[in-house]
Amino acid sequence: MANTKDVGKFFLFIVGGLVAIVVGSFMIRGTMHMWDKPENKSDGENKD
């Protein structure tokens, strides 16, 4: 039978991994957005 401490460590490992994946995906998305068209940033915002 697993110890309560071991279950807590495993749960913390899973939660930490999920948080790392979510934060990493947001960082990658932000970087890709910066690389899209940095020179036309002001033009894209004023197309209304």
PDB file of N, CA and C in Angstrom:
ATOM      1  N   MET A   1       0.848  -1.197   0.000  1.00  0.00           N
ATOM      2  CA  MET A   1       0.000   0.000   0.000  1.00  0.00           C
ATOM      3  C   MET A   1       0.888   1.253   0.000  1.00  0.00           C
ATOM      4  N   ALA A   2       0.486   2.227  -0.768  1.00  0.00           N
ATOM      5  CA  ALA A   2       1.285   3.453  -0.883  1.00  0.00           C
ATOM      6  C   ALA A   2       1.128   4.312   0.365  1.00  0.00           C
ATOM      7  N   ASN A   3       2.190   4.963   0.712  1.00  0.00           N
ATOM      8  CA  ASN A   3       2.187   5.852   1.861  1.00  0.00           C
ATOM      9  C   ASN A   3       1.489   7.170   1.490  1.00  0.00           C
ATOM     10  N   THR A   4       0.904   7.840   2.479  1.00  0.00           N
ATOM     11  CA  THR A   4       0.224   9.112   2.217  1.00  0.00           C
ATOM     12  C   THR A   4       1.204  10.150   1.681  1.00  0.00           C
ATOM     13  N   LYS A   5       2.432  10.116   2.204  1.00  0.00           N
ATOM     14  CA  LYS A   5       3.452  11.067   1.743  1.00  0.00           C
ATOM     15  C   LYS A   5       3.791  10.822   0.273  1.00  0.00           C
ATOM     16  N   ASP A   6       3.872   9.542  -0.125  1.00  0.00           N
ATOM     17  CA  ASP A   6       4.178   9.215  -1.517  1.00  0.00           C
ATOM     18  C   ASP A   6       3.049   9.666  -2.450  1.00  0.00           C
ATOM     19  N   VAL A   7       1.801   9.484  -2.013  1.00  0.00           N
ATOM     20  CA  VAL A   7       0.662   9.917  -2.819  1.00  0.00           C
ATOM     21  C   VAL A   7       0.691  11.433  -2.974  1.00  0.00           C
ATOM     22  N   GLY A   8       1.021  12.165  -1.920  1.00  0.00           N
ATOM     23  CA  GLY A   8       1.108  13.622  -1.981  1.00  0.00           C
ATOM     24  C   GLY A   8       2.201  14.084  -2.931  1.00  0.00           C
ATOM     25  N   LYS A   9       3.349  13.404  -2.886  1.00  0.00           N
ATOM     26  CA  LYS A   9       4.440  13.760  -3.806  1.00  0.00           C
ATOM     27  C   LYS A   9       4.038  13.508  -5.250  1.00  0.00           C
ATOM     28  N   PHE A  10       3.374  12.369  -5.503  1.00  0.00           N
ATOM     29  CA  PHE A  10       2.943  12.043  -6.860  1.00  0.00           C
ATOM     30  C   PHE A  10       1.928  13.060  -7.362  1.00  0.00           C
ATOM     31  N   PHE A  11       0.962  13.417  -6.521  1.00  0.00           N
ATOM     32  CA  PHE A  11      -0.048  14.409  -6.897  1.00  0.00           C
ATOM     33  C   PHE A  11       0.598  15.762  -7.181  1.00  0.00           C
ATOM     34  N   LEU A  12       1.554  16.154  -6.343  1.00  0.00           N
ATOM     35  CA  LEU A  12       2.261  17.423  -6.552  1.00  0.00           C
ATOM     36  C   LEU A  12       3.056  17.392  -7.860  1.00  0.00           C
ATOM     37  N   PHE A  13       3.636  16.233  -8.178  1.00  0.00           N
ATOM     38  CA  PHE A  13       4.383  16.081  -9.425  1.00  0.00           C
ATOM     39  C   PHE A  13       3.464  16.247 -10.633  1.00  0.00           C
ATOM     40  N   ILE A  14       2.278  15.648 -10.571  1.00  0.00           N
ATOM     41  CA  ILE A  14       1.319  15.755 -11.682  1.00  0.00           C
ATOM     42  C   ILE A  14       0.855  17.202 -11.847  1.00  0.00           C
ATOM     43  N   VAL A  15       0.479  17.848 -10.738  1.00  0.00           N
ATOM     44  CA  VAL A  15       0.002  19.230 -10.804  1.00  0.00           C
ATOM     45  C   VAL A  15       1.105  20.159 -11.306  1.00  0.00           C
ATOM     46  N   GLY A  16       2.325  19.962 -10.821  1.00  0.00           N
ATOM     47  CA  GLY A  16       3.444  20.786 -11.280  1.00  0.00           C
ATOM     48  C   GLY A  16       3.713  20.609 -12.762  1.00  0.00           C
ATOM     49  N   GLY A  17       3.593  19.384 -13.250  1.00  0.00           N
ATOM     50  CA  GLY A  17       3.781  19.132 -14.674  1.00  0.00           C
ATOM     51  C   GLY A  17       2.720  19.814 -15.518  1.00  0.00           C
ATOM     52  N   LEU A  18       1.463  19.744 -15.070  1.00  0.00           N
ATOM     53  CA  LEU A  18       0.384  20.397 -15.810  1.00  0.00           C
ATOM     54  C   LEU A  18       0.576  21.911 -15.842  1.00  0.00           C
ATOM     55  N   VAL A  19       0.967  22.484 -14.716  1.00  0.00           N
ATOM     56  CA  VAL A  19       1.204  23.931 -14.661  1.00  0.00           C
ATOM     57  C   VAL A  19       2.347  24.312 -15.601  1.00  0.00           C
ATOM     58  N   ALA A  20       3.405  23.497 -15.612  1.00  0.00           N
ATOM     59  CA  ALA A  20       4.542  23.784 -16.487  1.00  0.00           C
ATOM     60  C   ALA A  20       4.126  23.720 -17.956  1.00  0.00           C
ATOM     61  N   ILE A  21       3.280  22.753 -18.313  1.00  0.00           N
ATOM     62  CA  ILE A  21       2.815  22.629 -19.696  1.00  0.00           C
ATOM     63  C   ILE A  21       1.980  23.843 -20.090  1.00  0.00           C
ATOM     64  N   VAL A  22       1.064  24.275 -19.202  1.00  0.00           N
ATOM     65  CA  VAL A  22       0.201  25.416 -19.514  1.00  0.00           C
ATOM     66  C   VAL A  22       1.026  26.691 -19.649  1.00  0.00           C
ATOM     67  N   VAL A  23       1.926  26.934 -18.704  1.00  0.00           N
ATOM     68  CA  VAL A  23       2.756  28.145 -18.765  1.00  0.00           C
ATOM     69  C   VAL A  23       3.660  28.122 -19.990  1.00  0.00           C
ATOM     70  N   GLY A  24       4.236  26.965 -20.297  1.00  0.00           N
ATOM     71  CA  GLY A  24       5.090  26.840 -21.469  1.00  0.00           C
ATOM     72  C   GLY A  24       4.339  27.098 -22.760  1.00  0.00           C
ATOM     73  N   SER A  25       3.100  26.600 -22.837  1.00  0.00           N
ATOM     74  CA  SER A  25       2.325  26.811 -24.060  1.00  0.00           C
ATOM     75  C   SER A  25       1.987  28.289 -24.233  1.00  0.00           C
ATOM     76  N   PHE A  26       1.671  28.975 -23.129  1.00  0.00           N
ATOM     77  CA  PHE A  26       1.401  30.413 -23.236  1.00  0.00           C
ATOM     78  C   PHE A  26       2.653  31.173 -23.655  1.00  0.00           C
ATOM     79  N   MET A  27       3.817  30.765 -23.127  1.00  0.00           N
ATOM     80  CA  MET A  27       5.066  31.435 -23.503  1.00  0.00           C
ATOM     81  C   MET A  27       5.377  31.207 -24.975  1.00  0.00           C
ATOM     82  N   ILE A  28       5.158  29.984 -25.455  1.00  0.00           N
ATOM     83  CA  ILE A  28       5.418  29.687 -26.867  1.00  0.00           C
ATOM     84  C   ILE A  28       4.454  30.465 -27.749  1.00  0.00           C
ATOM     85  N   ARG A  29       3.178  30.535 -27.335  1.00  0.00           N
ATOM     86  CA  ARG A  29       2.198  31.266 -28.137  1.00  0.00           C
ATOM     87  C   ARG A  29       2.558  32.756 -28.195  1.00  0.00           C
ATOM     88  N   GLY A  30       2.990  33.319 -27.074  1.00  0.00           N
ATOM     89  CA  GLY A  30       3.384  34.729 -27.051  1.00  0.00           C
ATOM     90  C   GLY A  30       4.598  34.986 -27.915  1.00  0.00           C
ATOM     91  N   THR A  31       5.550  34.056 -27.905  1.00  0.00           N
ATOM     92  CA  THR A  31       6.744  34.215 -28.735  1.00  0.00           C
ATOM     93  C   THR A  31       6.384  34.128 -30.208  1.00  0.00           C
ATOM     94  N   MET A  32       5.527  33.190 -30.565  1.00  0.00           N
ATOM     95  CA  MET A  32       5.122  33.072 -31.956  1.00  0.00           C
ATOM     96  C   MET A  32       4.360  34.317 -32.399  1.00  0.00           C
ATOM     97  N   HIS A  33       3.551  34.884 -31.502  1.00  0.00           N
ATOM     98  CA  HIS A  33       2.805  36.096 -31.837  1.00  0.00           C
ATOM     99  C   HIS A  33       3.765  37.265 -32.046  1.00  0.00           C
ATOM    100  N   MET A  34       4.822  37.333 -31.250  1.00  0.00           N
ATOM    101  CA  MET A  34       5.812  38.404 -31.421  1.00  0.00           C
ATOM    102  C   MET A  34       6.536  38.249 -32.756  1.00  0.00           C
ATOM    103  N   TRP A  35       6.756  36.988 -33.175  1.00  0.00           N
ATOM    104  CA  TRP A  35       7.479  36.754 -34.418  1.00  0.00           C
ATOM    105  C   TRP A  35       6.594  36.952 -35.648  1.00  0.00           C
ATOM    106  N   ASP A  36       5.271  37.035 -35.484  1.00  0.00           N
ATOM    107  CA  ASP A  36       4.376  37.129 -36.632  1.00  0.00           C
ATOM    108  C   ASP A  36       4.759  38.281 -37.549  1.00  0.00           C
ATOM    109  N   LYS A  37       4.442  39.502 -37.138  1.00  0.00           N
ATOM    110  CA  LYS A  37       4.754  40.684 -37.940  1.00  0.00           C
ATOM    111  C   LYS A  37       5.143  41.827 -37.013  1.00  0.00           C
ATOM    112  N   PRO A  38       6.361  41.841 -36.503  1.00  0.00           N
ATOM    113  CA  PRO A  38       6.744  42.903 -35.558  1.00  0.00           C
ATOM    114  C   PRO A  38       6.761  44.284 -36.187  1.00  0.00           C
ATOM    115  N   GLU A  39       7.043  44.380 -37.491  1.00  0.00           N
ATOM    116  CA  GLU A  39       7.114  45.701 -38.114  1.00  0.00           C
ATOM    117  C   GLU A  39       5.738  46.272 -38.422  1.00  0.00           C
ATOM    118  N   ASN A  40       4.698  45.429 -38.519  1.00  0.00           N
ATOM    119  CA  ASN A  40       3.353  45.895 -38.856  1.00  0.00           C
ATOM    120  C   ASN A  40       2.415  45.856 -37.646  1.00  0.00           C
ATOM    121  N   LYS A  41       2.968  45.970 -36.456  1.00  0.00           N
ATOM    122  CA  LYS A  41       2.138  45.843 -35.260  1.00  0.00           C
ATOM    123  C   LYS A  41       1.127  46.973 -35.165  1.00  0.00           C
ATOM    124  N   SER A  42       1.545  48.207 -35.402  1.00  0.00           N
ATOM    125  CA  SER A  42       0.630  49.343 -35.284  1.00  0.00           C
ATOM    126  C   SER A  42      -0.393  49.333 -36.408  1.00  0.00           C
ATOM    127  N   ASP A  43      -0.023  48.847 -37.597  1.00  0.00           N
ATOM    128  CA  ASP A  43      -0.961  48.787 -38.711  1.00  0.00           C
ATOM    129  C   ASP A  43      -2.065  47.783 -38.453  1.00  0.00           C
ATOM    130  N   GLY A  44      -1.724  46.653 -37.835  1.00  0.00           N
ATOM    131  CA  GLY A  44      -2.730  45.621 -37.583  1.00  0.00           C
ATOM    132  C   GLY A  44      -3.739  46.038 -36.524  1.00  0.00           C
ATOM    133  N   GLU A  45      -3.343  46.900 -35.616  1.00  0.00           N
ATOM    134  CA  GLU A  45      -4.260  47.316 -34.551  1.00  0.00           C
ATOM    135  C   GLU A  45      -5.250  48.381 -35.014  1.00  0.00           C
ATOM    136  N   ASN A  46      -4.912  49.127 -36.063  1.00  0.00           N
ATOM    137  CA  ASN A  46      -5.755  50.241 -36.487  1.00  0.00           C
ATOM    138  C   ASN A  46      -6.497  49.955 -37.792  1.00  0.00           C
ATOM    139  N   LYS A  47      -6.917  48.721 -38.019  1.00  0.00           N
ATOM    140  CA  LYS A  47      -7.585  48.379 -39.276  1.00  0.00           C
ATOM    141  C   LYS A  47      -9.104  48.574 -39.210  1.00  0.00           C
ATOM    142  N   ASP A  48      -9.629  49.068 -38.101  1.00  0.00           N
ATOM    143  CA  ASP A  48     -11.085  49.238 -37.967  1.00  0.00           C
ATOM    144  C   ASP A  48     -11.581  50.319 -38.909  1.00  0.00           C
TER     145      ASP A  48
END
